Amino acid sequence: MATENPFRIRLAEARDADAMPSLENSAGTLFREIPALAWLADGADLPAERYRDLIAGGTSWVIADADDRPVAFLSASREADALHIWEIGVRRDLQRRGLGRRLCVHAIETARRWGFAAITLTTFRDVPWNAPFYARLGFKTLEGSAMDARLAALLETEAERGLPTHLRCAMRLGLGPH
């Protein structure tokens, strides 16, 4: 007998913003497995207000449990012809069950339907659940002149916040016609 999946994706609502920093924090504890990045597990999370702003743009989704409580989220924004992913967080005890992938696939399908040319993000190059994860979904790392000014500026801002530039990268998934 098949077990029903208790999780469903839905558009994030303003009321979900308060849960997102704690989900981000829970997800971030995984960085403790990487000694050089362990400090990120105790770093500052995006504030609920920032999540409310992203939710207001209609480009953030949650995976909710059977009681409609968020257990994972993807927050993005519209940036010219691209949907930009700012943050994905999956509650630590639910990681490695495909929830992050489901959110990404949902965002990709939605962005394609909305007519975006691409989805972009910045992430860690070698962290298994960062760039390698996105590469499996078809994202390409951008280098040199392939990176636009917006993404270069984001990486610069991240460096100013203390993220090691040699470990970071920008990625893009083209959403051209099929």
N, C-alpha and C. Protein backbone atom coordinates (compact mmCIF):
# COMPACT_ATOMS: atom_id res chain seq x y z
N MET A 1 0.83 -1.18 0.00
CA MET A 1 0.00 0.00 0.00
C MET A 1 0.88 1.24 0.00
N ALA A 2 0.66 2.15 -0.94
CA ALA A 2 1.47 3.36 -1.06
C ALA A 2 1.14 4.35 0.06
N THR A 3 2.19 5.01 0.54
CA THR A 3 2.01 6.03 1.56
C THR A 3 1.81 7.36 0.86
N GLU A 4 0.82 8.12 1.28
CA GLU A 4 0.55 9.42 0.69
C GLU A 4 1.63 10.42 1.11
N ASN A 5 2.10 11.21 0.18
CA ASN A 5 3.10 12.23 0.48
C ASN A 5 2.41 13.37 1.22
N PRO A 6 2.84 13.65 2.46
CA PRO A 6 2.18 14.69 3.25
C PRO A 6 2.60 16.11 2.86
N PHE A 7 3.54 16.25 1.92
CA PHE A 7 4.07 17.56 1.57
C PHE A 7 3.53 18.06 0.24
N ARG A 8 3.18 19.35 0.21
CA ARG A 8 2.71 19.95 -1.04
C ARG A 8 3.37 21.32 -1.23
N ILE A 9 3.60 21.66 -2.49
CA ILE A 9 4.15 22.97 -2.81
C ILE A 9 3.00 23.95 -2.98
N ARG A 10 3.19 25.13 -2.42
CA ARG A 10 2.23 26.20 -2.62
C ARG A 10 2.98 27.52 -2.65
N LEU A 11 2.32 28.53 -3.21
CA LEU A 11 2.87 29.88 -3.21
C LEU A 11 3.02 30.33 -1.77
N ALA A 12 4.16 30.92 -1.45
CA ALA A 12 4.37 31.42 -0.09
C ALA A 12 3.43 32.59 0.18
N GLU A 13 3.01 32.69 1.41
CA GLU A 13 2.12 33.77 1.87
C GLU A 13 2.85 34.57 2.93
N ALA A 14 2.42 35.80 3.16
CA ALA A 14 3.08 36.67 4.13
C ALA A 14 3.24 35.99 5.49
N ARG A 15 2.26 35.21 5.88
CA ARG A 15 2.33 34.52 7.18
C ARG A 15 3.48 33.52 7.25
N ASP A 16 3.99 33.07 6.11
CA ASP A 16 5.10 32.11 6.08
C ASP A 16 6.45 32.76 6.37
N ALA A 17 6.54 34.07 6.21
CA ALA A 17 7.82 34.77 6.34
C ALA A 17 8.45 34.56 7.71
N ASP A 18 7.64 34.49 8.75
CA ASP A 18 8.19 34.32 10.09
C ASP A 18 8.87 32.96 10.27
N ALA A 19 8.45 31.95 9.52
CA ALA A 19 9.06 30.62 9.63
C ALA A 19 10.35 30.50 8.81
N MET A 20 10.52 31.34 7.81
CA MET A 20 11.63 31.17 6.89
C MET A 20 13.01 31.35 7.53
N PRO A 21 13.24 32.35 8.39
CA PRO A 21 14.57 32.44 9.01
C PRO A 21 14.93 31.18 9.82
N SER A 22 13.97 30.60 10.53
CA SER A 22 14.31 29.39 11.31
C SER A 22 14.53 28.20 10.39
N LEU A 23 13.82 28.12 9.26
CA LEU A 23 14.09 27.06 8.29
C LEU A 23 15.47 27.25 7.67
N GLU A 24 15.81 28.50 7.34
CA GLU A 24 17.13 28.80 6.79
C GLU A 24 18.22 28.39 7.79
N ASN A 25 17.99 28.72 9.06
CA ASN A 25 18.95 28.38 10.10
C ASN A 25 19.09 26.87 10.24
N SER A 26 17.96 26.16 10.25
CA SER A 26 17.98 24.71 10.36
C SER A 26 18.75 24.10 9.18
N ALA A 27 18.45 24.57 7.97
CA ALA A 27 19.15 24.08 6.78
C ALA A 27 20.64 24.37 6.86
N GLY A 28 20.98 25.55 7.37
CA GLY A 28 22.38 25.98 7.44
C GLY A 28 23.24 25.18 8.38
N THR A 29 22.63 24.44 9.31
CA THR A 29 23.45 23.65 10.23
C THR A 29 24.25 22.58 9.49
N LEU A 30 23.86 22.26 8.28
CA LEU A 30 24.60 21.28 7.48
C LEU A 30 26.02 21.78 7.19
N PHE A 31 26.24 23.10 7.20
CA PHE A 31 27.58 23.64 6.96
C PHE A 31 28.57 23.23 8.04
N ARG A 32 28.08 22.76 9.17
CA ARG A 32 29.00 22.29 10.22
C ARG A 32 29.80 21.08 9.75
N GLU A 33 29.35 20.42 8.69
CA GLU A 33 30.06 19.27 8.15
C GLU A 33 31.30 19.67 7.34
N ILE A 34 31.43 20.97 7.05
CA ILE A 34 32.56 21.48 6.27
C ILE A 34 33.34 22.44 7.17
N PRO A 35 34.46 22.00 7.74
CA PRO A 35 35.18 22.83 8.72
C PRO A 35 35.44 24.27 8.27
N ALA A 36 35.84 24.48 7.04
CA ALA A 36 36.15 25.83 6.57
C ALA A 36 34.92 26.73 6.49
N LEU A 37 33.73 26.13 6.43
CA LEU A 37 32.49 26.91 6.31
C LEU A 37 31.56 26.74 7.52
N ALA A 38 32.04 26.06 8.54
CA ALA A 38 31.20 25.79 9.72
C ALA A 38 30.64 27.06 10.33
N TRP A 39 31.37 28.16 10.21
CA TRP A 39 30.92 29.44 10.78
C TRP A 39 29.60 29.90 10.18
N LEU A 40 29.28 29.44 8.98
CA LEU A 40 28.02 29.82 8.34
C LEU A 40 26.81 29.28 9.10
N ALA A 41 26.98 28.17 9.80
CA ALA A 41 25.87 27.57 10.54
C ALA A 41 25.36 28.50 11.63
N ASP A 42 26.21 29.39 12.09
CA ASP A 42 25.83 30.33 13.15
C ASP A 42 25.70 31.76 12.65
N GLY A 43 25.74 31.92 11.33
CA GLY A 43 25.66 33.25 10.73
C GLY A 43 24.25 33.81 10.75
N ALA A 44 24.16 35.06 10.37
CA ALA A 44 22.86 35.74 10.34
C ALA A 44 22.03 35.23 9.16
N ASP A 45 20.77 35.00 9.43
CA ASP A 45 19.84 34.59 8.39
C ASP A 45 19.15 35.82 7.84
N LEU A 46 18.54 35.67 6.67
CA LEU A 46 17.76 36.79 6.15
C LEU A 46 16.62 37.08 7.13
N PRO A 47 16.32 38.33 7.35
CA PRO A 47 15.22 38.66 8.27
C PRO A 47 13.85 38.37 7.64
N ALA A 48 12.87 38.14 8.50
CA ALA A 48 11.51 37.86 8.02
C ALA A 48 11.01 38.97 7.10
N GLU A 49 11.39 40.22 7.36
CA GLU A 49 10.96 41.34 6.50
C GLU A 49 11.43 41.16 5.06
N ARG A 50 12.67 40.70 4.89
CA ARG A 50 13.18 40.46 3.53
C ARG A 50 12.37 39.35 2.86
N TYR A 51 12.04 38.32 3.62
CA TYR A 51 11.22 37.26 3.06
C TYR A 51 9.83 37.78 2.70
N ARG A 52 9.27 38.66 3.52
CA ARG A 52 7.97 39.25 3.19
C ARG A 52 8.03 40.00 1.86
N ASP A 53 9.12 40.75 1.65
CA ASP A 53 9.29 41.48 0.40
C ASP A 53 9.34 40.52 -0.79
N LEU A 54 10.09 39.43 -0.65
CA LEU A 54 10.19 38.46 -1.74
C LEU A 54 8.85 37.76 -1.97
N ILE A 55 8.16 37.45 -0.90
CA ILE A 55 6.84 36.82 -1.02
C ILE A 55 5.88 37.74 -1.74
N ALA A 56 5.93 39.03 -1.44
CA ALA A 56 5.03 40.00 -2.08
C ALA A 56 5.22 40.03 -3.59
N GLY A 57 6.41 39.66 -4.06
CA GLY A 57 6.67 39.62 -5.49
C GLY A 57 6.06 38.41 -6.19
N GLY A 58 5.49 37.48 -5.43
CA GLY A 58 4.84 36.31 -6.03
C GLY A 58 5.80 35.28 -6.58
N THR A 59 7.05 35.31 -6.11
CA THR A 59 8.07 34.40 -6.65
C THR A 59 8.73 33.58 -5.54
N SER A 60 7.97 33.27 -4.52
CA SER A 60 8.48 32.42 -3.44
C SER A 60 7.47 31.32 -3.17
N TRP A 61 8.01 30.12 -2.91
CA TRP A 61 7.15 28.97 -2.68
C TRP A 61 7.59 28.26 -1.41
N VAL A 62 6.67 27.54 -0.81
CA VAL A 62 6.99 26.70 0.34
C VAL A 62 6.52 25.29 0.05
N ILE A 63 7.14 24.36 0.72
CA ILE A 63 6.59 23.02 0.82
C ILE A 63 6.00 22.97 2.22
N ALA A 64 4.72 22.69 2.28
CA ALA A 64 4.01 22.66 3.55
C ALA A 64 3.71 21.22 3.94
N ASP A 65 3.67 20.99 5.26
CA ASP A 65 3.32 19.67 5.76
C ASP A 65 1.81 19.50 5.80
N ALA A 66 1.35 18.40 6.34
CA ALA A 66 -0.09 18.09 6.37
C ALA A 66 -0.89 19.14 7.15
N ASP A 67 -0.23 19.86 8.05
CA ASP A 67 -0.89 20.92 8.82
C ASP A 67 -0.68 22.29 8.21
N ASP A 68 -0.18 22.33 6.96
CA ASP A 68 0.07 23.55 6.19
C ASP A 68 1.18 24.43 6.79
N ARG A 69 2.10 23.81 7.52
CA ARG A 69 3.25 24.54 8.06
C ARG A 69 4.43 24.37 7.10
N PRO A 70 5.14 25.45 6.78
CA PRO A 70 6.30 25.33 5.89
C PRO A 70 7.40 24.47 6.50
N VAL A 71 7.92 23.55 5.68
CA VAL A 71 9.07 22.74 6.08
C VAL A 71 10.25 22.99 5.14
N ALA A 72 10.00 23.69 4.04
CA ALA A 72 11.03 24.04 3.07
C ALA A 72 10.53 25.23 2.26
N PHE A 73 11.47 25.98 1.69
CA PHE A 73 11.06 27.14 0.90
C PHE A 73 12.10 27.46 -0.17
N LEU A 74 11.65 28.19 -1.16
CA LEU A 74 12.50 28.78 -2.18
C LEU A 74 12.03 30.21 -2.34
N SER A 75 12.95 31.16 -2.13
CA SER A 75 12.63 32.58 -2.29
C SER A 75 13.40 33.13 -3.47
N ALA A 76 12.68 33.81 -4.35
CA ALA A 76 13.28 34.33 -5.58
C ALA A 76 12.71 35.71 -5.87
N SER A 77 13.27 36.35 -6.89
CA SER A 77 12.76 37.64 -7.33
C SER A 77 12.89 37.75 -8.84
N ARG A 78 12.09 38.64 -9.39
CA ARG A 78 12.15 38.92 -10.82
C ARG A 78 13.27 39.93 -11.05
N GLU A 79 14.19 39.59 -11.92
CA GLU A 79 15.33 40.46 -12.24
C GLU A 79 15.43 40.56 -13.75
N ALA A 80 14.82 41.60 -14.32
CA ALA A 80 14.78 41.78 -15.78
C ALA A 80 14.20 40.52 -16.42
N ASP A 81 15.00 39.79 -17.21
CA ASP A 81 14.48 38.61 -17.91
C ASP A 81 14.78 37.31 -17.17
N ALA A 82 15.19 37.41 -15.90
CA ALA A 82 15.55 36.22 -15.13
C ALA A 82 14.80 36.15 -13.81
N LEU A 83 14.56 34.93 -13.37
CA LEU A 83 14.10 34.68 -12.01
C LEU A 83 15.37 34.40 -11.22
N HIS A 84 15.62 35.16 -10.16
CA HIS A 84 16.83 34.97 -9.36
C HIS A 84 16.48 34.30 -8.04
N ILE A 85 17.11 33.16 -7.78
CA ILE A 85 16.92 32.45 -6.52
C ILE A 85 17.83 33.05 -5.46
N TRP A 86 17.22 33.52 -4.39
CA TRP A 86 17.98 34.11 -3.28
C TRP A 86 18.30 33.07 -2.21
N GLU A 87 17.35 32.23 -1.93
CA GLU A 87 17.56 31.29 -0.83
C GLU A 87 16.65 30.08 -0.99
N ILE A 88 17.21 28.92 -0.66
CA ILE A 88 16.43 27.69 -0.55
C ILE A 88 16.76 27.13 0.82
N GLY A 89 15.75 26.72 1.54
CA GLY A 89 15.98 26.14 2.85
C GLY A 89 15.06 24.95 3.07
N VAL A 90 15.63 23.86 3.51
CA VAL A 90 14.87 22.66 3.85
C VAL A 90 15.20 22.32 5.29
N ARG A 91 14.17 22.14 6.10
CA ARG A 91 14.39 21.81 7.51
C ARG A 91 15.35 20.63 7.60
N ARG A 92 16.31 20.73 8.48
CA ARG A 92 17.42 19.77 8.55
C ARG A 92 16.96 18.31 8.61
N ASP A 93 15.95 18.01 9.42
CA ASP A 93 15.52 16.62 9.55
C ASP A 93 14.80 16.09 8.32
N LEU A 94 14.51 16.97 7.36
CA LEU A 94 13.84 16.55 6.13
C LEU A 94 14.74 16.66 4.90
N GLN A 95 16.01 16.99 5.11
CA GLN A 95 16.93 17.11 3.99
C GLN A 95 17.22 15.75 3.38
N ARG A 96 17.66 15.80 2.13
CA ARG A 96 18.03 14.61 1.35
C ARG A 96 16.84 13.71 1.06
N ARG A 97 15.67 14.34 0.94
CA ARG A 97 14.45 13.60 0.56
C ARG A 97 13.86 14.15 -0.73
N GLY A 98 14.59 15.05 -1.39
CA GLY A 98 14.14 15.58 -2.67
C GLY A 98 13.26 16.82 -2.57
N LEU A 99 13.10 17.39 -1.38
CA LEU A 99 12.24 18.57 -1.25
C LEU A 99 12.86 19.79 -1.94
N GLY A 100 14.16 19.99 -1.76
CA GLY A 100 14.83 21.11 -2.43
C GLY A 100 14.75 20.97 -3.95
N ARG A 101 14.94 19.77 -4.43
CA ARG A 101 14.83 19.50 -5.87
C ARG A 101 13.41 19.80 -6.36
N ARG A 102 12.41 19.36 -5.60
CA ARG A 102 11.02 19.63 -6.00
C ARG A 102 10.77 21.13 -6.10
N LEU A 103 11.27 21.89 -5.15
CA LEU A 103 11.10 23.34 -5.20
C LEU A 103 11.79 23.94 -6.42
N CYS A 104 13.01 23.48 -6.70
CA CYS A 104 13.73 24.00 -7.86
C CYS A 104 13.02 23.67 -9.16
N VAL A 105 12.58 22.44 -9.31
CA VAL A 105 11.86 22.04 -10.52
C VAL A 105 10.58 22.87 -10.66
N HIS A 106 9.90 23.09 -9.56
CA HIS A 106 8.68 23.92 -9.60
C HIS A 106 9.02 25.35 -10.05
N ALA A 107 10.08 25.92 -9.50
CA ALA A 107 10.49 27.27 -9.89
C ALA A 107 10.89 27.32 -11.37
N ILE A 108 11.60 26.31 -11.83
CA ILE A 108 12.01 26.25 -13.24
C ILE A 108 10.78 26.19 -14.14
N GLU A 109 9.86 25.29 -13.83
CA GLU A 109 8.65 25.16 -14.66
C GLU A 109 7.83 26.45 -14.64
N THR A 110 7.72 27.08 -13.48
CA THR A 110 6.97 28.32 -13.37
C THR A 110 7.65 29.44 -14.15
N ALA A 111 8.96 29.57 -13.99
CA ALA A 111 9.70 30.61 -14.71
C ALA A 111 9.58 30.43 -16.22
N ARG A 112 9.62 29.20 -16.66
CA ARG A 112 9.46 28.91 -18.10
C ARG A 112 8.07 29.33 -18.56
N ARG A 113 7.05 28.99 -17.78
CA ARG A 113 5.66 29.36 -18.12
C ARG A 113 5.49 30.87 -18.16
N TRP A 114 6.16 31.58 -17.26
CA TRP A 114 6.05 33.03 -17.19
C TRP A 114 6.89 33.74 -18.27
N GLY A 115 7.66 32.99 -19.02
CA GLY A 115 8.42 33.57 -20.11
C GLY A 115 9.78 34.12 -19.75
N PHE A 116 10.33 33.76 -18.61
CA PHE A 116 11.68 34.21 -18.27
C PHE A 116 12.69 33.54 -19.19
N ALA A 117 13.77 34.24 -19.48
CA ALA A 117 14.83 33.68 -20.31
C ALA A 117 15.73 32.74 -19.51
N ALA A 118 15.81 32.95 -18.17
CA ALA A 118 16.75 32.19 -17.37
C ALA A 118 16.37 32.23 -15.89
N ILE A 119 17.03 31.36 -15.15
CA ILE A 119 17.03 31.41 -13.69
C ILE A 119 18.48 31.56 -13.28
N THR A 120 18.74 32.45 -12.33
CA THR A 120 20.11 32.69 -11.87
C THR A 120 20.19 32.52 -10.36
N LEU A 121 21.43 32.39 -9.88
CA LEU A 121 21.69 32.31 -8.45
C LEU A 121 23.18 32.45 -8.21
N THR A 122 23.55 32.67 -6.96
CA THR A 122 24.95 32.60 -6.54
C THR A 122 25.02 31.53 -5.46
N THR A 123 26.17 30.84 -5.40
CA THR A 123 26.26 29.70 -4.49
C THR A 123 27.72 29.32 -4.27
N PHE A 124 27.95 28.33 -3.44
CA PHE A 124 29.30 27.80 -3.24
C PHE A 124 29.63 26.79 -4.34
N ARG A 125 30.83 26.92 -4.89
CA ARG A 125 31.27 26.08 -6.00
C ARG A 125 31.31 24.58 -5.67
N ASP A 126 31.90 24.24 -4.53
CA ASP A 126 32.23 22.84 -4.26
C ASP A 126 31.42 22.20 -3.15
N VAL A 127 30.48 22.92 -2.57
CA VAL A 127 29.64 22.33 -1.52
C VAL A 127 28.63 21.42 -2.23
N PRO A 128 28.57 20.14 -1.86
CA PRO A 128 27.74 19.19 -2.61
C PRO A 128 26.29 19.60 -2.80
N TRP A 129 25.69 20.26 -1.83
CA TRP A 129 24.28 20.65 -1.95
C TRP A 129 24.15 22.07 -2.51
N ASN A 130 25.22 22.61 -3.07
CA ASN A 130 25.20 23.91 -3.72
C ASN A 130 25.45 23.72 -5.22
N ALA A 131 26.54 24.24 -5.77
CA ALA A 131 26.75 24.21 -7.22
C ALA A 131 26.60 22.81 -7.84
N PRO A 132 27.14 21.75 -7.26
CA PRO A 132 26.95 20.44 -7.88
C PRO A 132 25.46 20.03 -7.95
N PHE A 133 24.69 20.39 -6.93
CA PHE A 133 23.25 20.12 -6.93
C PHE A 133 22.59 20.86 -8.09
N TYR A 134 22.88 22.16 -8.23
CA TYR A 134 22.27 22.94 -9.30
C TYR A 134 22.74 22.48 -10.68
N ALA A 135 24.00 22.05 -10.78
CA ALA A 135 24.50 21.54 -12.06
C ALA A 135 23.69 20.32 -12.52
N ARG A 136 23.31 19.47 -11.57
CA ARG A 136 22.49 18.30 -11.92
C ARG A 136 21.12 18.71 -12.46
N LEU A 137 20.68 19.91 -12.14
CA LEU A 137 19.41 20.42 -12.66
C LEU A 137 19.60 21.18 -13.98
N GLY A 138 20.84 21.29 -14.44
CA GLY A 138 21.12 21.94 -15.71
C GLY A 138 21.72 23.33 -15.63
N PHE A 139 21.93 23.85 -14.42
CA PHE A 139 22.55 25.17 -14.27
C PHE A 139 24.01 25.10 -14.69
N LYS A 140 24.49 26.19 -15.28
CA LYS A 140 25.89 26.30 -15.71
C LYS A 140 26.57 27.39 -14.90
N THR A 141 27.82 27.14 -14.52
CA THR A 141 28.62 28.14 -13.82
C THR A 141 29.05 29.20 -14.83
N LEU A 142 28.91 30.45 -14.42
CA LEU A 142 29.28 31.57 -15.28
C LEU A 142 30.66 32.08 -14.89
N GLU A 143 31.50 32.28 -15.88
CA GLU A 143 32.85 32.77 -15.66
C GLU A 143 33.11 33.96 -16.57
N GLY A 144 33.93 34.87 -16.13
CA GLY A 144 34.39 35.98 -16.97
C GLY A 144 33.27 36.76 -17.62
N SER A 145 33.37 36.93 -18.94
CA SER A 145 32.42 37.76 -19.68
C SER A 145 31.03 37.11 -19.78
N ALA A 146 30.91 35.84 -19.42
CA ALA A 146 29.60 35.19 -19.45
C ALA A 146 28.71 35.67 -18.31
N MET A 147 29.34 36.31 -17.30
CA MET A 147 28.58 36.79 -16.15
C MET A 147 28.16 38.24 -16.38
N ASP A 148 26.88 38.52 -16.18
CA ASP A 148 26.41 39.89 -16.36
C ASP A 148 26.76 40.75 -15.15
N ALA A 149 26.57 42.06 -15.30
CA ALA A 149 26.93 43.02 -14.25
C ALA A 149 26.15 42.78 -12.96
N ARG A 150 24.89 42.39 -13.07
CA ARG A 150 24.06 42.16 -11.88
C ARG A 150 24.65 41.05 -11.02
N LEU A 151 24.99 39.93 -11.65
CA LEU A 151 25.53 38.79 -10.90
C LEU A 151 26.93 39.10 -10.35
N ALA A 152 27.74 39.82 -11.13
CA ALA A 152 29.07 40.21 -10.65
C ALA A 152 28.94 41.11 -9.42
N ALA A 153 27.96 42.02 -9.45
CA ALA A 153 27.74 42.91 -8.30
C ALA A 153 27.25 42.11 -7.08
N LEU A 154 26.43 41.10 -7.30
CA LEU A 154 25.98 40.26 -6.19
C LEU A 154 27.15 39.54 -5.54
N LEU A 155 28.03 38.98 -6.34
CA LEU A 155 29.20 38.30 -5.79
C LEU A 155 30.09 39.28 -5.02
N GLU A 156 30.20 40.49 -5.52
CA GLU A 156 30.98 41.52 -4.82
C GLU A 156 30.35 41.87 -3.48
N THR A 157 29.04 42.01 -3.44
CA THR A 157 28.33 42.29 -2.19
C THR A 157 28.52 41.14 -1.21
N GLU A 158 28.47 39.92 -1.70
CA GLU A 158 28.69 38.76 -0.82
C GLU A 158 30.09 38.79 -0.23
N ALA A 159 31.07 39.17 -1.03
CA ALA A 159 32.45 39.26 -0.54
C ALA A 159 32.56 40.32 0.55
N GLU A 160 31.86 41.43 0.37
CA GLU A 160 31.86 42.48 1.40
C GLU A 160 31.24 41.98 2.70
N ARG A 161 30.32 41.01 2.61
CA ARG A 161 29.69 40.43 3.80
C ARG A 161 30.53 39.30 4.40
N GLY A 162 31.68 39.00 3.79
CA GLY A 162 32.59 38.01 4.36
C GLY A 162 32.59 36.65 3.70
N LEU A 163 31.80 36.46 2.65
CA LEU A 163 31.83 35.17 1.95
C LEU A 163 33.09 35.08 1.10
N PRO A 164 33.83 33.99 1.18
CA PRO A 164 35.09 33.86 0.45
C PRO A 164 34.85 33.77 -1.06
N THR A 165 35.34 34.76 -1.79
CA THR A 165 35.06 34.86 -3.23
C THR A 165 35.57 33.66 -4.02
N HIS A 166 36.70 33.09 -3.62
CA HIS A 166 37.25 31.96 -4.39
C HIS A 166 36.38 30.70 -4.25
N LEU A 167 35.47 30.70 -3.30
CA LEU A 167 34.58 29.55 -3.12
C LEU A 167 33.19 29.77 -3.71
N ARG A 168 32.92 30.98 -4.18
CA ARG A 168 31.59 31.33 -4.67
C ARG A 168 31.55 31.35 -6.19
N CYS A 169 30.34 31.24 -6.74
CA CYS A 169 30.16 31.34 -8.18
C CYS A 169 28.72 31.80 -8.47
N ALA A 170 28.52 32.28 -9.68
CA ALA A 170 27.19 32.59 -10.19
C ALA A 170 26.82 31.47 -11.16
N MET A 171 25.53 31.14 -11.19
CA MET A 171 25.07 30.09 -12.09
C MET A 171 23.81 30.56 -12.81
N ARG A 172 23.60 29.97 -13.97
CA ARG A 172 22.45 30.34 -14.81
C ARG A 172 21.90 29.09 -15.48
N LEU A 173 20.58 29.02 -15.53
CA LEU A 173 19.89 27.98 -16.29
C LEU A 173 19.08 28.70 -17.36
N GLY A 174 19.45 28.49 -18.61
CA GLY A 174 18.70 29.08 -19.71
C GLY A 174 17.36 28.38 -19.86
N LEU A 175 16.32 29.16 -20.15
CA LEU A 175 14.98 28.60 -20.28
C LEU A 175 14.43 28.80 -21.69
N GLY A 176 15.31 28.71 -22.66
CA GLY A 176 14.89 28.92 -24.04
C GLY A 176 13.78 27.96 -24.46
N PRO A 177 13.22 28.19 -25.63
CA PRO A 177 12.13 27.33 -26.11
C PRO A 177 12.60 25.89 -26.31
N HIS A 178 11.67 24.98 -26.10
CA HIS A 178 11.99 23.55 -26.26
C HIS A 178 11.36 23.02 -27.51
